[in-house]
Protein backbone atom coordinates (compact mmCIF):
# COMPACT_ATOMS: atom_id res chain seq x y z
CA MET A 1 70.16 5.47 28.48
CA THR A 2 69.26 3.29 25.48
CA PRO A 3 69.91 -0.43 26.14
CA THR A 4 72.44 -2.21 23.93
CA VAL A 5 70.84 -4.53 21.39
CA ALA A 6 72.85 -7.63 20.47
CA PRO A 7 73.57 -7.86 16.74
CA VAL A 8 71.83 -10.30 14.42
CA VAL A 9 74.03 -13.28 13.48
CA THR A 10 73.93 -14.06 9.76
CA ASP A 11 76.69 -16.67 9.51
CA PHE A 12 77.33 -19.74 11.65
CA ALA A 13 81.03 -18.84 11.67
CA GLN A 14 80.19 -15.83 13.84
CA LEU A 15 79.31 -18.14 16.74
CA ASP A 16 81.74 -19.52 19.29
CA PRO A 17 81.22 -23.31 19.56
CA SER A 18 82.70 -23.28 23.08
CA ALA A 19 80.35 -20.58 24.38
CA ARG A 20 77.01 -21.09 26.12
CA TYR A 21 73.93 -19.58 24.53
CA THR A 22 70.25 -19.11 25.36
CA TYR A 23 67.02 -19.05 23.40
CA ALA A 24 67.31 -15.24 23.33
CA ASP A 25 70.56 -15.68 21.39
CA TYR A 26 69.01 -18.37 19.19
CA LEU A 27 66.30 -15.93 18.08
CA ARG A 28 68.97 -13.65 16.60
CA TRP A 29 70.51 -16.37 14.43
CA GLN A 30 69.41 -15.74 10.86
CA PHE A 31 71.65 -18.06 8.87
CA GLY A 32 70.40 -20.91 6.70
CA GLU A 33 71.82 -23.81 8.69
CA ALA A 34 69.61 -25.70 11.14
CA VAL A 35 70.97 -25.87 14.68
CA GLU A 36 69.77 -27.08 18.04
CA LEU A 37 70.73 -25.81 21.47
CA ILE A 38 71.36 -28.42 24.17
CA ARG A 39 72.05 -27.17 27.67
CA GLY A 40 73.43 -23.98 26.20
CA LYS A 41 75.76 -25.65 23.71
CA ILE A 42 75.28 -25.37 19.94
CA LEU A 43 74.55 -28.56 18.07
CA ARG A 44 75.09 -28.06 14.36
CA LYS A 45 72.78 -30.30 12.36
CA MET A 46 74.43 -32.24 9.57
CA ALA A 47 73.40 -32.65 5.95
CA GLY A 48 69.72 -33.10 5.16
CA PRO A 49 68.10 -36.46 5.97
CA VAL A 50 68.20 -39.30 3.48
CA ARG A 51 65.18 -40.52 1.51
CA ALA A 52 64.37 -43.41 3.89
CA HIS A 53 64.27 -41.01 6.83
CA GLN A 54 61.90 -38.69 4.99
CA ARG A 55 59.60 -41.48 3.85
CA ILE A 56 59.29 -42.95 7.35
CA SER A 57 58.76 -39.51 8.87
CA GLY A 58 56.07 -38.80 6.28
CA ASN A 59 54.38 -42.16 6.87
CA LEU A 60 54.28 -41.62 10.63
CA HIS A 61 53.14 -38.04 10.36
CA ALA A 62 50.36 -38.92 7.94
CA GLU A 63 48.99 -41.71 10.15
CA ILE A 64 49.17 -39.73 13.39
CA HIS A 65 47.85 -36.52 11.81
CA SER A 66 44.88 -38.33 10.33
CA PHE A 67 44.07 -39.96 13.68
CA LEU A 68 44.28 -36.63 15.53
CA LYS A 69 41.88 -34.76 13.26
CA HIS A 70 39.32 -32.95 15.47
CA LYS A 71 41.17 -34.13 18.62
CA PRO A 72 42.96 -31.92 21.16
CA CYS A 73 46.43 -33.40 20.64
CA GLN A 74 48.50 -32.17 17.68
CA VAL A 75 51.47 -33.65 15.82
CA TYR A 76 54.35 -31.60 14.42
CA ALA A 77 57.26 -32.53 12.16
CA ALA A 78 60.69 -30.89 12.07
CA PRO A 79 61.59 -28.12 11.67
CA PHE A 80 59.60 -27.24 14.78
CA ASP A 81 61.22 -25.64 17.81
CA VAL A 82 60.67 -27.34 21.15
CA ARG A 83 61.93 -25.26 24.09
CA LEU A 84 62.57 -27.60 26.99
CA VAL A 85 62.15 -25.93 30.37
CA ARG A 86 62.42 -27.05 33.95
CA GLY A 87 61.62 -25.28 37.23
CA GLY A 88 62.27 -21.55 37.46
CA PRO A 89 61.88 -18.65 35.03
CA ASN A 90 61.02 -19.45 31.41
CA GLY A 91 61.91 -16.19 29.69
CA ASP A 92 63.87 -16.32 26.43
CA ALA A 93 67.14 -15.57 28.26
CA ASP A 94 66.46 -18.38 30.78
CA ILE A 95 65.97 -21.19 28.26
CA SER A 96 69.12 -23.06 27.24
CA THR A 97 67.69 -26.02 25.29
CA VAL A 98 65.89 -25.83 21.94
CA VAL A 99 65.51 -29.05 19.94
CA GLN A 100 63.78 -30.04 16.71
CA PRO A 101 62.50 -33.62 17.07
CA ASP A 102 61.63 -35.46 13.89
CA LEU A 103 58.07 -35.75 15.19
CA CYS A 104 56.34 -34.73 18.39
CA VAL A 105 52.83 -34.92 19.77
CA VAL A 106 51.61 -32.18 22.10
CA CYS A 107 48.36 -32.63 24.02
CA ASP A 108 48.43 -29.48 26.15
CA PRO A 109 47.45 -26.50 23.97
CA ALA A 110 48.84 -24.12 26.60
CA LYS A 111 52.34 -25.25 25.59
CA LEU A 112 51.89 -24.13 21.97
CA ASP A 113 52.58 -20.65 20.65
CA ASP A 114 53.67 -19.07 17.39
CA ARG A 115 57.29 -20.07 18.05
CA GLY A 116 56.59 -23.76 18.62
CA CYS A 117 56.28 -25.68 21.89
CA LEU A 118 57.25 -24.36 25.32
CA GLY A 119 57.71 -27.37 27.57
CA ALA A 120 57.90 -31.12 27.07
CA PRO A 121 55.78 -32.74 24.33
CA ASP A 122 53.87 -35.82 25.40
CA TRP A 123 55.49 -38.04 22.76
CA ILE A 124 58.66 -37.62 20.71
CA ILE A 125 59.80 -39.79 17.79
CA GLU A 126 63.36 -39.64 16.46
CA ILE A 127 64.37 -41.47 13.28
CA VAL A 128 67.90 -42.74 13.80
CA SER A 129 70.65 -42.66 11.19
CA PRO A 130 74.33 -43.60 11.63
CA ARG A 131 75.23 -39.92 11.95
CA THR A 132 72.58 -39.22 14.62
CA ALA A 133 72.74 -42.51 16.53
CA ARG A 134 74.66 -41.23 19.56
CA LEU A 135 72.62 -38.03 19.68
CA ASP A 136 69.26 -39.83 19.54
CA THR A 137 70.07 -42.87 21.71
CA ALA A 138 72.17 -41.14 24.38
CA THR A 139 72.13 -37.32 24.46
CA LYS A 140 68.48 -36.78 23.58
CA TYR A 141 67.41 -39.96 25.36
CA GLU A 142 68.73 -38.50 28.62
CA LEU A 143 67.56 -34.97 27.81
CA TYR A 144 63.98 -35.99 27.05
CA ALA A 145 63.77 -38.10 30.22
CA GLU A 146 65.14 -35.25 32.35
CA ASN A 147 62.55 -32.86 30.94
CA GLY A 148 59.54 -35.14 31.36
CA VAL A 149 58.77 -36.36 27.81
CA ARG A 150 56.48 -39.23 28.76
CA GLU A 151 56.91 -41.37 25.64
CA TYR A 152 59.94 -41.67 23.37
CA TRP A 153 60.28 -43.75 20.23
CA LEU A 154 63.47 -44.57 18.34
CA VAL A 155 62.94 -45.68 14.76
CA PHE A 156 65.77 -47.49 12.93
CA PRO A 157 65.13 -47.41 9.15
CA LYS A 158 67.79 -49.90 8.04
CA GLU A 159 66.81 -52.52 10.62
CA GLN A 160 63.08 -51.64 10.36
CA VAL A 161 62.86 -51.60 14.14
CA VAL A 162 60.90 -49.35 16.50
CA GLN A 163 61.88 -49.11 20.16
CA ALA A 164 59.16 -47.65 22.40
CA PHE A 165 60.04 -46.19 25.80
CA THR A 166 57.84 -44.72 28.52
CA LEU A 167 58.88 -42.58 31.46
CA THR A 168 58.75 -44.19 34.90
CA GLU A 169 57.87 -42.39 38.13
CA ALA A 170 61.60 -42.29 38.85
CA GLY A 171 62.09 -40.17 35.74
CA GLU A 172 63.87 -42.84 33.70
CA TYR A 173 62.91 -44.47 30.42
CA GLN A 174 61.76 -48.06 30.40
CA LEU A 175 61.74 -50.07 27.18
CA VAL A 176 58.13 -51.13 26.65
CA GLN A 177 58.67 -53.14 23.48
CA GLU A 178 60.89 -53.48 20.43
CA TYR A 179 58.88 -53.96 17.24
CA ASP A 180 60.60 -55.62 14.29
CA ALA A 181 57.81 -57.40 12.42
CA PRO A 182 54.32 -56.68 11.04
CA GLY A 183 51.72 -55.89 13.69
CA LEU A 184 50.36 -53.03 15.75
CA LEU A 185 52.59 -50.40 17.35
CA PRO A 186 50.69 -49.32 20.49
CA SER A 187 51.19 -45.76 21.74
CA HIS A 188 51.04 -44.94 25.45
CA THR A 189 50.06 -41.35 24.59
CA LEU A 190 47.36 -42.27 22.08
CA PRO A 191 46.03 -45.71 23.11
CA ALA A 192 43.31 -45.75 20.42
CA LEU A 193 45.80 -45.13 17.59
CA GLN A 194 46.01 -48.18 15.32
CA LEU A 195 49.51 -47.69 13.96
CA GLU A 196 50.82 -50.56 11.83
CA TRP A 197 54.49 -51.54 11.53
CA ALA A 198 53.95 -52.22 7.81
CA ASP A 199 52.58 -48.71 7.26
CA VAL A 200 55.55 -47.11 9.02
CA PHE A 201 58.07 -48.94 6.80
CA ALA A 202 55.95 -48.95 3.62
CA ASP A 203 58.05 -48.72 0.42
CA GLU A 204 61.25 -49.42 2.36
């Protein structure tokens, strides 16, 4: 007997926002809109990021990418699928969370494949806007801690503030420092990285 193959989804309207989905479902979604999957629930991404978001993301990516040249860690910018997994099976039908952080650093090459990252990156950076504030500071904050992302930064373009968190042994984020003026921004993941506040917010 030939197994039934689920149809390809070509329009977001074909999905049921109240249903629970897996990464296996996500792979069949071939519409133009960017979505994330959080604990099986669809998160529809809003309009494209504003110019300030893109400039700050580009500044951070350029500095980190340059530092990591010829080093084992790698930095990726969205769109880049990160499949967050916990204990148990990690097949496509078992994964219920797929996110696209603004930036992430992965130091374990075994987590990388052609689809993106399978497992928690070492460091995630989200650039916060009014429309993503609750998502970045609450939903993803909790999600990343639960899944073992060891370092999490929140960048606030309007305020020109960076909040740096590290994961404690208890599995909770601790605020290491809030940076709101020129000076170095130390990274727990990459201690030798000389990242400058002024370079992050250049031209803002």
